[in-house]
Amino acid sequence: MFDDDAMRDLRQMLVAPPPRTPADIALDELPADADRATRRRLGEQYAPVLAAVVEKYPWLKDPGSRARGSASSAEATVAESVGELYRGAQREVLYRASLIRTGSLDALAALEDALPRRGSEVRSGGVGRVPVIGGWSALTRRG
């Protein structure tokens, strides 16, 4: 899917990941029905974790550039994997963290506006009208 250097980086991430942070643990333990305040707070806490990964592996800002095939195919595969690995509330937190990391405040405000006004439901495929993972670039691009 990716070139040799990118695959080496991905293996490194899996074999020797950085020490787990409290935000990592909180993301892993986040219940599917976590309330909006919890999801918001964890997004803020996770943004520096995501920023550190992107700083260490800058190609993650544009992973399609490292794809062996089409960029859109590689990004779709990664987005599908994220969709399988994380529950809706976790995907929302990752999306929030990405928006915070990139300074995408308008998109963050749009996310807040799209969330249900009452309750804290998070659909598996997205949050309200806004897709949580609109492709891998949603988690990695610069604002």
C-alpha atoms as a PDB file:
ATOM      1  CA  MET A   1       0.000   0.000   0.000  1.00  0.00           C
ATOM      2  CA  PHE A   2       2.819   2.440   0.913  1.00  0.00           C
ATOM      3  CA  ASP A   3       6.441   2.763  -0.199  1.00  0.00           C
ATOM      4  CA  ASP A   4       9.211   0.942   1.672  1.00  0.00           C
ATOM      5  CA  ASP A   5      10.127   3.882   3.924  1.00  0.00           C
ATOM      6  CA  ALA A   6       6.514   4.461   4.958  1.00  0.00           C
ATOM      7  CA  MET A   7       6.030   0.742   5.635  1.00  0.00           C
ATOM      8  CA  ARG A   8       9.192   0.786   7.775  1.00  0.00           C
ATOM      9  CA  ASP A   9       7.740   3.691   9.755  1.00  0.00           C
ATOM     10  CA  LEU A  10       4.431   1.854  10.201  1.00  0.00           C
ATOM     11  CA  ARG A  11       6.259  -1.238  11.444  1.00  0.00           C
ATOM     12  CA  GLN A  12       8.212   0.975  13.866  1.00  0.00           C
ATOM     13  CA  MET A  13       4.945   2.425  15.181  1.00  0.00           C
ATOM     14  CA  LEU A  14       3.654  -1.086  15.877  1.00  0.00           C
ATOM     15  CA  VAL A  15       6.840  -2.750  17.127  1.00  0.00           C
ATOM     16  CA  ALA A  16       8.240   0.070  19.272  1.00  0.00           C
ATOM     17  CA  PRO A  17       5.436   2.528  19.929  1.00  0.00           C
ATOM     18  CA  PRO A  18       6.095   5.528  22.154  1.00  0.00           C
ATOM     19  CA  PRO A  19       5.137   5.160  25.811  1.00  0.00           C
ATOM     20  CA  ARG A  20       1.382   5.227  26.334  1.00  0.00           C
ATOM     21  CA  THR A  21       0.060   8.493  27.656  1.00  0.00           C
ATOM     22  CA  PRO A  22      -2.936   9.024  29.924  1.00  0.00           C
ATOM     23  CA  ALA A  23      -4.758  10.277  26.791  1.00  0.00           C
ATOM     24  CA  ASP A  24      -4.001   6.979  24.999  1.00  0.00           C
ATOM     25  CA  ILE A  25      -5.429   5.016  27.885  1.00  0.00           C
ATOM     26  CA  ALA A  26      -8.489   7.262  28.130  1.00  0.00           C
ATOM     27  CA  LEU A  27      -9.117   6.851  24.384  1.00  0.00           C
ATOM     28  CA  ASP A  28      -8.858   3.057  24.678  1.00  0.00           C
ATOM     29  CA  GLU A  29     -11.268   3.033  27.611  1.00  0.00           C
ATOM     30  CA  LEU A  30     -13.723   5.590  26.203  1.00  0.00           C
ATOM     31  CA  PRO A  31     -17.220   4.124  26.323  1.00  0.00           C
ATOM     32  CA  ALA A  32     -19.357   4.221  23.213  1.00  0.00           C
ATOM     33  CA  ASP A  33     -21.887   6.415  25.026  1.00  0.00           C
ATOM     34  CA  ALA A  34     -19.363   8.956  26.360  1.00  0.00           C
ATOM     35  CA  ASP A  35     -20.996  12.349  26.804  1.00  0.00           C
ATOM     36  CA  ARG A  36     -20.076  15.331  24.658  1.00  0.00           C
ATOM     37  CA  ALA A  37     -18.047  17.041  27.390  1.00  0.00           C
ATOM     38  CA  THR A  38     -15.915  13.920  27.811  1.00  0.00           C
ATOM     39  CA  ARG A  39     -15.375  13.593  24.058  1.00  0.00           C
ATOM     40  CA  ARG A  40     -14.497  17.292  23.832  1.00  0.00           C
ATOM     41  CA  ARG A  41     -12.066  17.119  26.763  1.00  0.00           C
ATOM     42  CA  LEU A  42     -10.366  13.976  25.453  1.00  0.00           C
ATOM     43  CA  GLY A  43     -10.017  15.521  21.980  1.00  0.00           C
ATOM     44  CA  GLU A  44      -8.150  18.415  23.591  1.00  0.00           C
ATOM     45  CA  GLN A  45      -5.968  16.008  25.566  1.00  0.00           C
ATOM     46  CA  TYR A  46      -5.251  13.795  22.564  1.00  0.00           C
ATOM     47  CA  ALA A  47      -4.287  16.597  20.138  1.00  0.00           C
ATOM     48  CA  PRO A  48      -0.676  16.775  21.438  1.00  0.00           C
ATOM     49  CA  VAL A  49      -0.366  12.978  21.172  1.00  0.00           C
ATOM     50  CA  LEU A  50      -1.477  13.102  17.549  1.00  0.00           C
ATOM     51  CA  ALA A  51       0.809  16.085  16.908  1.00  0.00           C
ATOM     52  CA  ALA A  52       3.815  14.156  18.259  1.00  0.00           C
ATOM     53  CA  VAL A  53       3.134  11.250  15.893  1.00  0.00           C
ATOM     54  CA  VAL A  54       2.819  13.569  12.903  1.00  0.00           C
ATOM     55  CA  GLU A  55       5.977  15.421  13.963  1.00  0.00           C
ATOM     56  CA  LYS A  56       7.919  12.148  14.122  1.00  0.00           C
ATOM     57  CA  TYR A  57       6.439  10.897  10.826  1.00  0.00           C
ATOM     58  CA  PRO A  58       5.786  14.057   8.745  1.00  0.00           C
ATOM     59  CA  TRP A  59       4.639  12.060   5.723  1.00  0.00           C
ATOM     60  CA  LEU A  60       1.451  11.314   7.671  1.00  0.00           C
ATOM     61  CA  LYS A  61       0.308  14.837   6.740  1.00  0.00           C
ATOM     62  CA  ASP A  62       0.074  13.586   3.144  1.00  0.00           C
ATOM     63  CA  PRO A  63       0.082   9.778   3.230  1.00  0.00           C
ATOM     64  CA  GLY A  64      -1.198   9.536  -0.317  1.00  0.00           C
ATOM     65  CA  SER A  65       2.150  10.858  -1.512  1.00  0.00           C
ATOM     66  CA  ARG A  66       3.761   7.683  -0.170  1.00  0.00           C
ATOM     67  CA  ALA A  67       1.236   5.265  -1.666  1.00  0.00           C
ATOM     68  CA  ARG A  68       2.409   2.625  -4.129  1.00  0.00           C
ATOM     69  CA  GLY A  69      -0.926   2.811  -5.934  1.00  0.00           C
ATOM     70  CA  SER A  70      -3.439   5.614  -5.988  1.00  0.00           C
ATOM     71  CA  ALA A  71      -3.462   8.035  -3.090  1.00  0.00           C
ATOM     72  CA  SER A  72      -7.239   7.826  -2.783  1.00  0.00           C
ATOM     73  CA  SER A  73      -7.132   4.032  -2.547  1.00  0.00           C
ATOM     74  CA  ALA A  74      -4.491   4.098   0.201  1.00  0.00           C
ATOM     75  CA  GLU A  75      -6.388   6.758   2.143  1.00  0.00           C
ATOM     76  CA  ALA A  76      -9.660   4.850   1.796  1.00  0.00           C
ATOM     77  CA  THR A  77      -8.005   1.668   3.081  1.00  0.00           C
ATOM     78  CA  VAL A  78      -6.567   3.445   6.108  1.00  0.00           C
ATOM     79  CA  ALA A  79      -9.894   5.186   6.806  1.00  0.00           C
ATOM     80  CA  GLU A  80     -11.670   1.824   6.619  1.00  0.00           C
ATOM     81  CA  SER A  81      -9.146   0.359   9.056  1.00  0.00           C
ATOM     82  CA  VAL A  82      -9.670   3.244  11.481  1.00  0.00           C
ATOM     83  CA  GLY A  83     -13.410   2.657  11.162  1.00  0.00           C
ATOM     84  CA  GLU A  84     -12.935  -0.980  12.122  1.00  0.00           C
ATOM     85  CA  LEU A  85     -10.496  -0.335  14.972  1.00  0.00           C
ATOM     86  CA  TYR A  86     -12.328   2.492  16.730  1.00  0.00           C
ATOM     87  CA  ARG A  87     -15.884   3.029  17.937  1.00  0.00           C
ATOM     88  CA  GLY A  88     -17.854   6.132  17.002  1.00  0.00           C
ATOM     89  CA  ALA A  89     -16.972   8.078  20.153  1.00  0.00           C
ATOM     90  CA  GLN A  90     -13.286   7.246  19.689  1.00  0.00           C
ATOM     91  CA  ARG A  91     -13.392   8.339  16.038  1.00  0.00           C
ATOM     92  CA  GLU A  92     -14.997  11.599  17.101  1.00  0.00           C
ATOM     93  CA  VAL A  93     -12.184  12.168  19.614  1.00  0.00           C
ATOM     94  CA  LEU A  94      -9.563  11.447  16.941  1.00  0.00           C
ATOM     95  CA  TYR A  95     -11.307  13.838  14.559  1.00  0.00           C
ATOM     96  CA  ARG A  96     -11.523  16.527  17.249  1.00  0.00           C
ATOM     97  CA  ALA A  97      -7.830  16.034  18.072  1.00  0.00           C
ATOM     98  CA  SER A  98      -6.936  16.371  14.399  1.00  0.00           C
ATOM     99  CA  LEU A  99      -8.954  19.571  14.053  1.00  0.00           C
ATOM    100  CA  ILE A 100      -7.368  21.017  17.183  1.00  0.00           C
ATOM    101  CA  ARG A 101      -3.885  19.981  16.037  1.00  0.00           C
ATOM    102  CA  THR A 102      -4.328  21.687  12.678  1.00  0.00           C
ATOM    103  CA  GLY A 103      -6.068  24.759  14.075  1.00  0.00           C
ATOM    104  CA  SER A 104      -9.220  24.014  12.075  1.00  0.00           C
ATOM    105  CA  LEU A 105     -11.505  25.933  14.402  1.00  0.00           C
ATOM    106  CA  ASP A 106     -14.239  26.469  11.800  1.00  0.00           C
ATOM    107  CA  ALA A 107     -14.461  22.713  11.209  1.00  0.00           C
ATOM    108  CA  LEU A 108     -14.479  22.125  14.967  1.00  0.00           C
ATOM    109  CA  ALA A 109     -17.363  24.587  15.313  1.00  0.00           C
ATOM    110  CA  ALA A 110     -19.169  22.805  12.457  1.00  0.00           C
ATOM    111  CA  LEU A 111     -18.732  19.514  14.290  1.00  0.00           C
ATOM    112  CA  GLU A 112     -20.226  21.003  17.443  1.00  0.00           C
ATOM    113  CA  ASP A 113     -23.150  22.390  15.431  1.00  0.00           C
ATOM    114  CA  ALA A 114     -23.748  19.000  13.779  1.00  0.00           C
ATOM    115  CA  LEU A 115     -23.916  17.074  17.038  1.00  0.00           C
ATOM    116  CA  PRO A 116     -27.342  16.245  18.425  1.00  0.00           C
ATOM    117  CA  ARG A 117     -28.593  19.031  20.673  1.00  0.00           C
ATOM    118  CA  ARG A 118     -29.877  16.625  23.313  1.00  0.00           C
ATOM    119  CA  GLY A 119     -28.217  13.458  24.496  1.00  0.00           C
ATOM    120  CA  SER A 120     -24.786  12.302  23.501  1.00  0.00           C
ATOM    121  CA  GLU A 121     -25.358   9.647  20.895  1.00  0.00           C
ATOM    122  CA  VAL A 122     -22.531   8.946  18.501  1.00  0.00           C
ATOM    123  CA  ARG A 123     -23.413   6.960  15.425  1.00  0.00           C
ATOM    124  CA  SER A 124     -20.956   4.339  14.304  1.00  0.00           C
ATOM    125  CA  GLY A 125     -20.426   5.936  10.906  1.00  0.00           C
ATOM    126  CA  GLY A 126     -20.261   9.544  11.958  1.00  0.00           C
ATOM    127  CA  VAL A 127     -21.409  12.253  14.264  1.00  0.00           C
ATOM    128  CA  GLY A 128     -24.599  13.971  13.234  1.00  0.00           C
ATOM    129  CA  ARG A 129     -24.191  15.175   9.657  1.00  0.00           C
ATOM    130  CA  VAL A 130     -20.370  15.325   9.800  1.00  0.00           C
ATOM    131  CA  PRO A 131     -18.398  12.181   8.935  1.00  0.00           C
ATOM    132  CA  VAL A 132     -15.925  11.501  11.697  1.00  0.00           C
ATOM    133  CA  ILE A 133     -13.375   9.988   9.362  1.00  0.00           C
ATOM    134  CA  GLY A 134     -13.679  11.582   5.969  1.00  0.00           C
ATOM    135  CA  GLY A 135     -10.553   9.835   4.754  1.00  0.00           C
ATOM    136  CA  TRP A 136      -7.161   9.470   6.379  1.00  0.00           C
ATOM    137  CA  SER A 137      -6.350  13.082   5.594  1.00  0.00           C
ATOM    138  CA  ALA A 138      -9.025  14.180   8.062  1.00  0.00           C
ATOM    139  CA  LEU A 139      -6.751  12.971  10.841  1.00  0.00           C
ATOM    140  CA  THR A 140      -3.452  14.148   9.443  1.00  0.00           C
ATOM    141  CA  ARG A 141      -3.741  17.189   7.175  1.00  0.00           C
ATOM    142  CA  ARG A 142      -2.705  20.703   8.103  1.00  0.00           C
ATOM    143  CA  GLY A 143      -5.572  23.153   8.508  1.00  0.00           C
END
